[in-house]
Amino acid sequence: ILLNNGKTIPYGVAVWAAGNGPLPVTLQLIEDITKSESGRGASQEEAQSVARGRLAIDPWLRVLGCGGDILSLGDCSCITAGQLPATAQVASQQGEYLAKLLSNKYDMNPS
């Protein structure tokens, strides 16, 4: 391992684990949704005990508290009922799901 000061540390196996925290834009959106919620289904604020800084979504990737107007996928979101791991595989599957819905002009808010 090469350090910033030029020193090297010999090793056999290097394991790097980094945390991922929410981006400011995600935190701002959560705050804005929480402020504007007015009986539009499940609450973003209530779901934050599970979502912890990620957008709380339903199994159809609709952001809670938005009446289906906003969709979210990947690491910035959390399905609050039956959580999935924050992995590239899950994000890829969510992206494929949304692509199929949107390419078929699926109405996320049927009347």
C-alpha atoms as a PDB file:
ATOM      1  CA  ILE A   1       0.000   0.000   0.000  1.00  0.00           C
ATOM      2  CA  LEU A   2       1.474   3.358  -1.008  1.00  0.00           C
ATOM      3  CA  LEU A   3       0.830   6.203   1.440  1.00  0.00           C
ATOM      4  CA  ASN A   4       0.669   9.929   0.603  1.00  0.00           C
ATOM      5  CA  ASN A   5       4.086  10.484   2.177  1.00  0.00           C
ATOM      6  CA  GLY A   6       5.680   7.951  -0.188  1.00  0.00           C
ATOM      7  CA  LYS A   7       6.060   5.214   2.422  1.00  0.00           C
ATOM      8  CA  THR A   8       4.922   1.724   1.456  1.00  0.00           C
ATOM      9  CA  ILE A   9       3.331  -0.861   3.711  1.00  0.00           C
ATOM     10  CA  PRO A  10       3.720  -4.479   2.602  1.00  0.00           C
ATOM     11  CA  TYR A  11       0.535  -6.565   2.666  1.00  0.00           C
ATOM     12  CA  GLY A  12      -0.915  -9.909   1.596  1.00  0.00           C
ATOM     13  CA  VAL A  13      -4.557  -8.973   1.133  1.00  0.00           C
ATOM     14  CA  ALA A  14      -6.013  -5.472   1.268  1.00  0.00           C
ATOM     15  CA  VAL A  15      -9.676  -5.035   2.189  1.00  0.00           C
ATOM     16  CA  TRP A  16     -11.242  -1.621   1.802  1.00  0.00           C
ATOM     17  CA  ALA A  17     -14.669  -0.857   3.201  1.00  0.00           C
ATOM     18  CA  ALA A  18     -16.146   2.586   2.729  1.00  0.00           C
ATOM     19  CA  GLY A  19     -19.396   3.850   4.067  1.00  0.00           C
ATOM     20  CA  ASN A  20     -21.845   5.512   1.783  1.00  0.00           C
ATOM     21  CA  GLY A  21     -23.778   8.404   3.138  1.00  0.00           C
ATOM     22  CA  PRO A  22     -26.661  10.318   1.650  1.00  0.00           C
ATOM     23  CA  LEU A  23     -25.930  13.137  -0.785  1.00  0.00           C
ATOM     24  CA  PRO A  24     -27.116  16.635   0.122  1.00  0.00           C
ATOM     25  CA  VAL A  25     -29.616  16.627  -2.761  1.00  0.00           C
ATOM     26  CA  THR A  26     -31.250  13.473  -1.350  1.00  0.00           C
ATOM     27  CA  LEU A  27     -31.432  14.928   2.159  1.00  0.00           C
ATOM     28  CA  GLN A  28     -32.930  18.152   0.779  1.00  0.00           C
ATOM     29  CA  LEU A  29     -35.572  16.232  -1.180  1.00  0.00           C
ATOM     30  CA  ILE A  30     -36.511  14.223   1.932  1.00  0.00           C
ATOM     31  CA  GLU A  31     -36.854  17.464   3.894  1.00  0.00           C
ATOM     32  CA  ASP A  32     -38.946  19.109   1.151  1.00  0.00           C
ATOM     33  CA  ILE A  33     -41.246  16.080   0.832  1.00  0.00           C
ATOM     34  CA  THR A  34     -41.694  15.883   4.605  1.00  0.00           C
ATOM     35  CA  LYS A  35     -42.663  19.576   4.752  1.00  0.00           C
ATOM     36  CA  SER A  36     -45.179  19.278   1.909  1.00  0.00           C
ATOM     37  CA  GLU A  37     -46.811  15.968   2.844  1.00  0.00           C
ATOM     38  CA  SER A  38     -50.518  16.312   3.296  1.00  0.00           C
ATOM     39  CA  GLY A  39     -52.243  12.957   3.483  1.00  0.00           C
ATOM     40  CA  ARG A  40     -50.872  11.692   0.163  1.00  0.00           C
ATOM     41  CA  GLY A  41     -50.408   8.065   1.169  1.00  0.00           C
ATOM     42  CA  ALA A  42     -47.549   6.666   3.233  1.00  0.00           C
ATOM     43  CA  SER A  43     -45.407   9.226   5.011  1.00  0.00           C
ATOM     44  CA  GLN A  44     -41.768   9.940   4.167  1.00  0.00           C
ATOM     45  CA  GLU A  45     -41.206  11.268   7.680  1.00  0.00           C
ATOM     46  CA  GLU A  46     -42.539   8.112   9.353  1.00  0.00           C
ATOM     47  CA  ALA A  47     -40.470   5.897   7.052  1.00  0.00           C
ATOM     48  CA  GLN A  48     -37.165   7.607   7.876  1.00  0.00           C
ATOM     49  CA  SER A  49     -36.723   5.356  10.926  1.00  0.00           C
ATOM     50  CA  VAL A  50     -36.109   2.592   8.364  1.00  0.00           C
ATOM     51  CA  ALA A  51     -34.779   4.564   5.372  1.00  0.00           C
ATOM     52  CA  ARG A  52     -32.192   6.540   7.424  1.00  0.00           C
ATOM     53  CA  GLY A  53     -31.355   9.330   4.999  1.00  0.00           C
ATOM     54  CA  ARG A  54     -32.482   7.580   1.844  1.00  0.00           C
ATOM     55  CA  LEU A  55     -35.729   8.231  -0.005  1.00  0.00           C
ATOM     56  CA  ALA A  56     -38.373   5.861   1.330  1.00  0.00           C
ATOM     57  CA  ILE A  57     -40.074   4.110  -1.597  1.00  0.00           C
ATOM     58  CA  ASP A  58     -42.755   1.496  -2.103  1.00  0.00           C
ATOM     59  CA  PRO A  59     -42.126  -1.795  -3.979  1.00  0.00           C
ATOM     60  CA  TRP A  60     -43.010  -0.019  -7.257  1.00  0.00           C
ATOM     61  CA  LEU A  61     -40.190   2.545  -6.656  1.00  0.00           C
ATOM     62  CA  ARG A  62     -42.604   5.416  -5.970  1.00  0.00           C
ATOM     63  CA  VAL A  63     -41.316   7.865  -3.354  1.00  0.00           C
ATOM     64  CA  LEU A  64     -43.548   7.818  -0.276  1.00  0.00           C
ATOM     65  CA  GLY A  65     -45.471  11.016   0.387  1.00  0.00           C
ATOM     66  CA  CYS A  66     -45.516  12.108  -3.267  1.00  0.00           C
ATOM     67  CA  GLY A  67     -48.608  10.318  -4.523  1.00  0.00           C
ATOM     68  CA  GLY A  68     -46.560   8.459  -7.156  1.00  0.00           C
ATOM     69  CA  ASP A  69     -45.233  11.626  -8.840  1.00  0.00           C
ATOM     70  CA  ILE A  70     -41.550  10.887  -8.059  1.00  0.00           C
ATOM     71  CA  LEU A  71     -39.698   7.625  -8.713  1.00  0.00           C
ATOM     72  CA  SER A  72     -36.392   6.647  -7.128  1.00  0.00           C
ATOM     73  CA  LEU A  73     -33.949   3.764  -7.462  1.00  0.00           C
ATOM     74  CA  GLY A  74     -30.506   2.698  -6.384  1.00  0.00           C
ATOM     75  CA  ASP A  75     -28.480   3.642  -3.317  1.00  0.00           C
ATOM     76  CA  CYS A  76     -30.407   6.848  -2.615  1.00  0.00           C
ATOM     77  CA  SER A  77     -33.637   4.940  -2.014  1.00  0.00           C
ATOM     78  CA  CYS A  78     -34.958   2.316   0.381  1.00  0.00           C
ATOM     79  CA  ILE A  79     -37.951   0.040  -0.063  1.00  0.00           C
ATOM     80  CA  THR A  80     -39.294   0.264   3.463  1.00  0.00           C
ATOM     81  CA  ALA A  81     -41.296  -2.970   3.303  1.00  0.00           C
ATOM     82  CA  GLY A  82     -38.771  -5.702   2.500  1.00  0.00           C
ATOM     83  CA  GLN A  83     -35.486  -3.850   2.203  1.00  0.00           C
ATOM     84  CA  LEU A  84     -32.992  -4.805  -0.477  1.00  0.00           C
ATOM     85  CA  PRO A  85     -29.207  -4.403  -0.218  1.00  0.00           C
ATOM     86  CA  ALA A  86     -27.611  -1.268  -1.690  1.00  0.00           C
ATOM     87  CA  THR A  87     -25.778  -3.097  -4.474  1.00  0.00           C
ATOM     88  CA  ALA A  88     -25.212  -2.497  -8.175  1.00  0.00           C
ATOM     89  CA  GLN A  89     -27.228  -5.641  -8.945  1.00  0.00           C
ATOM     90  CA  VAL A  90     -30.332  -4.288  -7.194  1.00  0.00           C
ATOM     91  CA  ALA A  91     -29.934  -0.843  -8.808  1.00  0.00           C
ATOM     92  CA  SER A  92     -29.569  -2.466 -12.230  1.00  0.00           C
ATOM     93  CA  GLN A  93     -32.717  -4.530 -11.726  1.00  0.00           C
ATOM     94  CA  GLN A  94     -34.619  -1.449 -10.550  1.00  0.00           C
ATOM     95  CA  GLY A  95     -33.414   0.497 -13.594  1.00  0.00           C
ATOM     96  CA  GLU A  96     -34.516  -2.273 -15.928  1.00  0.00           C
ATOM     97  CA  TYR A  97     -37.936  -2.378 -14.238  1.00  0.00           C
ATOM     98  CA  LEU A  98     -38.435   1.385 -14.568  1.00  0.00           C
ATOM     99  CA  ALA A  99     -37.194   1.404 -18.168  1.00  0.00           C
ATOM    100  CA  LYS A 100     -39.836  -1.170 -19.102  1.00  0.00           C
ATOM    101  CA  LEU A 101     -42.587   0.790 -17.349  1.00  0.00           C
ATOM    102  CA  LEU A 102     -41.622   4.143 -18.818  1.00  0.00           C
ATOM    103  CA  SER A 103     -40.998   2.845 -22.340  1.00  0.00           C
ATOM    104  CA  ASN A 104     -44.569   1.516 -22.300  1.00  0.00           C
ATOM    105  CA  LYS A 105     -45.862   4.925 -21.157  1.00  0.00           C
ATOM    106  CA  TYR A 106     -47.086   3.365 -17.916  1.00  0.00           C
ATOM    107  CA  ASP A 107     -49.223   5.764 -15.877  1.00  0.00           C
ATOM    108  CA  MET A 108     -47.870   5.804 -12.311  1.00  0.00           C
ATOM    109  CA  ASN A 109     -51.024   7.576 -11.101  1.00  0.00           C
ATOM    110  CA  PRO A 110     -54.012   5.780 -12.592  1.00  0.00           C
ATOM    111  CA  SER A 111     -57.344   7.473 -11.933  1.00  0.00           C
END
